[in-house]
N, C-alpha and C. Protein backbone atom coordinates (compact mmCIF):
# COMPACT_ATOMS: atom_id res chain seq x y z
N MET A 1 132.75 148.77 73.46
CA MET A 1 133.79 148.03 72.76
C MET A 1 133.76 146.58 73.14
N ARG A 2 133.55 146.35 74.34
CA ARG A 2 133.55 144.98 74.89
C ARG A 2 132.43 144.09 74.17
N ASN A 3 131.27 144.66 73.94
CA ASN A 3 130.16 143.85 73.32
C ASN A 3 130.48 143.47 71.95
N ILE A 4 131.26 144.25 71.17
CA ILE A 4 131.69 143.93 69.83
C ILE A 4 132.54 142.69 69.89
N GLY A 5 133.47 142.60 70.81
CA GLY A 5 134.38 141.43 70.90
C GLY A 5 133.56 140.22 71.29
N ARG A 6 132.60 140.35 72.16
CA ARG A 6 131.76 139.28 72.66
C ARG A 6 130.90 138.77 71.41
N LEU A 7 130.41 139.68 70.61
CA LEU A 7 129.55 139.33 69.51
C LEU A 7 130.37 138.53 68.54
N ALA A 8 131.60 138.95 68.23
CA ALA A 8 132.48 138.26 67.26
C ALA A 8 132.74 136.86 67.78
N VAL A 9 133.08 136.69 69.02
CA VAL A 9 133.30 135.46 69.64
C VAL A 9 132.02 134.46 69.51
N THR A 10 130.97 135.03 69.73
CA THR A 10 129.66 134.36 69.65
C THR A 10 129.43 133.90 68.18
N GLU A 11 129.61 134.74 67.26
CA GLU A 11 129.44 134.44 65.85
C GLU A 11 130.39 133.35 65.40
N ALA A 12 131.71 133.50 65.92
CA ALA A 12 132.63 132.47 65.53
C ALA A 12 132.30 131.15 66.06
N GLY A 13 131.75 131.10 67.36
CA GLY A 13 131.25 129.87 67.96
C GLY A 13 130.11 129.18 67.12
N LEU A 14 129.25 130.12 66.75
CA LEU A 14 128.07 129.68 65.93
C LEU A 14 128.56 129.05 64.57
N GLY A 15 129.55 129.76 63.96
CA GLY A 15 130.02 129.24 62.66
C GLY A 15 130.68 127.83 62.92
N VAL A 16 131.41 127.75 63.92
CA VAL A 16 132.08 126.41 64.13
C VAL A 16 130.94 125.31 64.36
N ALA A 17 130.02 125.69 65.16
CA ALA A 17 128.95 124.72 65.44
C ALA A 17 128.21 124.33 64.22
N LEU A 18 127.95 125.37 63.37
CA LEU A 18 127.18 124.97 62.11
C LEU A 18 128.11 124.14 61.15
N ALA A 19 129.39 124.38 61.17
CA ALA A 19 130.24 123.54 60.25
C ALA A 19 130.31 122.16 60.84
N PHE A 20 130.28 122.02 62.14
CA PHE A 20 130.32 120.72 62.76
C PHE A 20 129.03 119.88 62.40
N ILE A 21 127.90 120.58 62.44
CA ILE A 21 126.59 120.00 62.18
C ILE A 21 126.58 119.57 60.67
N ALA A 22 127.04 120.46 59.90
CA ALA A 22 127.06 120.07 58.40
C ALA A 22 127.81 118.87 58.07
N GLY A 23 128.99 118.76 58.78
CA GLY A 23 129.85 117.53 58.57
C GLY A 23 129.24 116.30 59.15
N ALA A 24 128.48 116.42 60.22
CA ALA A 24 127.82 115.31 60.83
C ALA A 24 126.68 114.84 59.92
N ILE A 25 125.89 115.82 59.34
CA ILE A 25 124.94 115.49 58.41
C ILE A 25 125.40 114.80 57.14
N ASN A 26 126.54 115.28 56.62
CA ASN A 26 127.20 114.65 55.45
C ASN A 26 127.67 113.23 55.79
N ALA A 27 128.12 113.04 56.93
CA ALA A 27 128.62 111.60 57.22
C ALA A 27 127.41 110.73 57.51
N GLY A 28 126.42 111.22 58.24
CA GLY A 28 125.24 110.42 58.50
C GLY A 28 124.52 110.10 57.20
N GLY A 29 124.35 111.00 56.28
CA GLY A 29 123.70 110.82 55.09
C GLY A 29 124.48 109.88 54.15
N PHE A 30 125.89 109.96 54.18
CA PHE A 30 126.57 109.10 53.47
C PHE A 30 126.46 107.61 53.98
N LEU A 31 126.47 107.40 55.23
CA LEU A 31 126.25 106.03 55.76
C LEU A 31 124.92 105.53 55.50
N LEU A 32 123.87 106.40 55.48
CA LEU A 32 122.49 105.94 55.40
C LEU A 32 122.21 105.63 53.95
N VAL A 33 122.47 106.58 52.93
CA VAL A 33 122.11 106.36 51.58
C VAL A 33 123.30 106.19 50.57
N GLY A 34 124.49 106.25 51.12
CA GLY A 34 125.68 106.02 50.27
C GLY A 34 125.97 107.26 49.37
N GLN A 35 125.39 108.36 49.72
CA GLN A 35 125.70 109.69 48.86
C GLN A 35 125.67 110.80 49.88
N TYR A 36 126.45 111.83 49.57
CA TYR A 36 126.47 112.97 50.39
C TYR A 36 125.14 113.76 50.33
N THR A 37 124.42 114.15 51.26
CA THR A 37 123.13 114.61 51.26
C THR A 37 123.10 116.23 51.45
N SER A 38 124.14 116.86 52.04
CA SER A 38 124.07 118.18 52.29
C SER A 38 124.40 118.96 51.00
N HIS A 39 123.95 120.29 50.93
CA HIS A 39 124.02 120.95 49.57
C HIS A 39 125.57 121.26 49.41
N MET A 40 125.96 122.40 49.78
CA MET A 40 127.40 122.85 49.32
C MET A 40 128.47 122.01 50.00
N SER A 41 128.34 121.66 51.27
CA SER A 41 129.47 120.92 51.91
C SER A 41 129.33 119.49 51.25
N GLY A 42 128.27 118.96 50.94
CA GLY A 42 128.21 117.66 50.35
C GLY A 42 128.73 117.67 48.94
N ILE A 43 128.56 118.77 48.14
CA ILE A 43 129.20 118.87 46.85
C ILE A 43 130.78 118.90 46.95
N ILE A 44 131.13 119.61 47.95
CA ILE A 44 132.65 119.73 48.16
C ILE A 44 133.24 118.31 48.53
N SER A 45 132.55 117.62 49.49
CA SER A 45 132.98 116.34 49.91
C SER A 45 132.94 115.34 48.70
N ALA A 46 131.86 115.42 47.95
CA ALA A 46 131.88 114.55 46.74
C ALA A 46 132.93 114.89 45.72
N MET A 47 133.30 116.09 45.57
CA MET A 47 134.37 116.57 44.69
C MET A 47 135.70 115.96 45.15
N ALA A 48 135.88 115.94 46.48
CA ALA A 48 137.15 115.36 46.99
C ALA A 48 137.23 113.85 46.71
N ASP A 49 136.14 113.16 46.94
CA ASP A 49 136.13 111.76 46.62
C ASP A 49 136.33 111.47 45.21
N GLU A 50 135.70 112.25 44.26
CA GLU A 50 135.84 112.02 42.82
C GLU A 50 137.27 112.36 42.35
N LEU A 51 137.88 113.41 42.93
CA LEU A 51 139.20 113.77 42.68
C LEU A 51 140.19 112.63 42.91
N VAL A 52 140.10 112.04 43.96
CA VAL A 52 140.82 110.85 44.39
C VAL A 52 140.68 109.69 43.42
N LEU A 53 139.50 109.51 42.94
CA LEU A 53 139.06 108.43 42.03
C LEU A 53 139.50 108.88 40.53
N GLY A 54 139.88 110.07 40.32
CA GLY A 54 140.29 110.46 39.00
C GLY A 54 139.17 110.94 38.12
N ALA A 55 138.01 111.18 38.63
CA ALA A 55 136.79 111.62 37.75
C ALA A 55 136.86 113.13 37.66
N ILE A 56 137.75 113.59 36.74
CA ILE A 56 137.89 114.97 36.67
C ILE A 56 136.67 115.77 36.18
N ALA A 57 135.85 115.19 35.29
CA ALA A 57 134.65 115.74 34.78
C ALA A 57 133.63 116.00 35.88
N VAL A 58 133.49 114.97 36.81
CA VAL A 58 132.63 115.25 37.90
C VAL A 58 133.10 116.38 38.88
N VAL A 59 134.44 116.40 39.04
CA VAL A 59 135.07 117.46 39.90
C VAL A 59 134.77 118.77 39.19
N ALA A 60 134.89 118.88 37.95
CA ALA A 60 134.63 120.14 37.17
C ALA A 60 133.15 120.57 37.33
N SER A 61 132.23 119.56 37.24
CA SER A 61 130.88 120.03 37.41
C SER A 61 130.53 120.44 38.79
N GLY A 62 131.12 119.88 39.82
CA GLY A 62 131.02 120.27 41.18
C GLY A 62 131.56 121.64 41.40
N LEU A 63 132.65 121.93 40.81
CA LEU A 63 133.38 123.28 40.82
C LEU A 63 132.41 124.32 40.21
N ILE A 64 131.78 123.91 39.04
CA ILE A 64 130.81 124.90 38.47
C ILE A 64 129.66 125.18 39.37
N ALA A 65 129.16 124.10 40.06
CA ALA A 65 128.03 124.22 41.08
C ALA A 65 128.47 125.18 42.25
N LEU A 66 129.75 124.96 42.67
CA LEU A 66 130.20 125.76 43.73
C LEU A 66 130.27 127.23 43.37
N VAL A 67 130.89 127.57 42.23
CA VAL A 67 131.10 128.91 41.79
C VAL A 67 129.68 129.52 41.49
N ALA A 68 128.75 128.80 41.02
CA ALA A 68 127.28 129.30 40.82
C ALA A 68 126.65 129.63 42.24
N PHE A 69 126.94 128.84 43.23
CA PHE A 69 126.46 129.11 44.54
C PHE A 69 127.07 130.36 45.07
N LEU A 70 128.37 130.54 44.93
CA LEU A 70 129.06 131.66 45.46
C LEU A 70 128.59 132.94 44.76
N CYS A 71 128.39 132.91 43.43
CA CYS A 71 127.87 134.08 42.64
C CYS A 71 126.53 134.41 43.09
N GLY A 72 125.68 133.43 43.27
CA GLY A 72 124.32 133.66 43.75
C GLY A 72 124.32 134.38 45.10
N ALA A 73 125.10 133.85 46.05
CA ALA A 73 125.14 134.45 47.31
C ALA A 73 125.71 135.87 47.30
N ALA A 74 126.73 136.04 46.53
CA ALA A 74 127.27 137.57 46.38
C ALA A 74 126.20 138.42 45.75
N ALA A 75 125.51 137.98 44.80
CA ALA A 75 124.43 138.81 44.15
C ALA A 75 123.34 139.09 45.16
N SER A 76 122.94 138.06 45.98
CA SER A 76 121.93 138.26 47.03
C SER A 76 122.45 139.35 48.03
N ALA A 77 123.67 139.24 48.45
CA ALA A 77 124.21 140.13 49.45
C ALA A 77 124.27 141.62 48.80
N VAL A 78 124.49 141.78 47.50
CA VAL A 78 124.54 143.07 46.92
C VAL A 78 123.18 143.61 46.92
N LEU A 79 122.19 142.81 46.47
CA LEU A 79 120.81 143.26 46.43
C LEU A 79 120.12 143.61 47.69
N ILE A 80 120.51 142.76 48.80
CA ILE A 80 119.94 142.90 50.07
C ILE A 80 120.60 144.24 50.75
N ASN A 81 121.85 144.43 50.57
CA ASN A 81 122.57 145.57 51.21
C ASN A 81 122.12 146.80 50.38
């Protein structure tokens, strides 16, 4: 039972580390080329920027991309399992 808890903590730590790295890549890419460069986290960051600027059409297209990604990930999980 103890190993399961340790595994969950390790996986949570890995998730936090990967989220941190994704954020750092977004920030570095934005500073370098003036656009978010990461895939899903970049799209969500761009959506937030565009929402503040009032570009609802761009936010809607980003939302469509996000939903498509999530559906693809769910379909892959179903097929793999």
